[in-house]
Amino acid sequence: MSRSTSTTQVVVRYYEAHPPDGDKIPICAVARLSKGQLRKRPDSKPGTAILEFSSAGVDIVESYR
């Protein structure tokens, strides 16, 4: 998983899934809210992202842009 924190919009990318009963599976997925974005709170320190919500939807994607 990686996170981009240089702007007010946060991107969470997943590179593999870990099923409880199997081997790792390579995936390409992005965490999003219903409007397609996650925003970090203004009180986030540089290089970090404090989010308003603790959960988001995850979309499987062909590749990252």
Foldseek 3Di string as FASTA:
>chain_A
DDWDDPDQWIKDWDQWDDDPPDDIDGFTKIFAAPVRTWGFDPPADPPDGHTPDPGTDMDTDPHDD
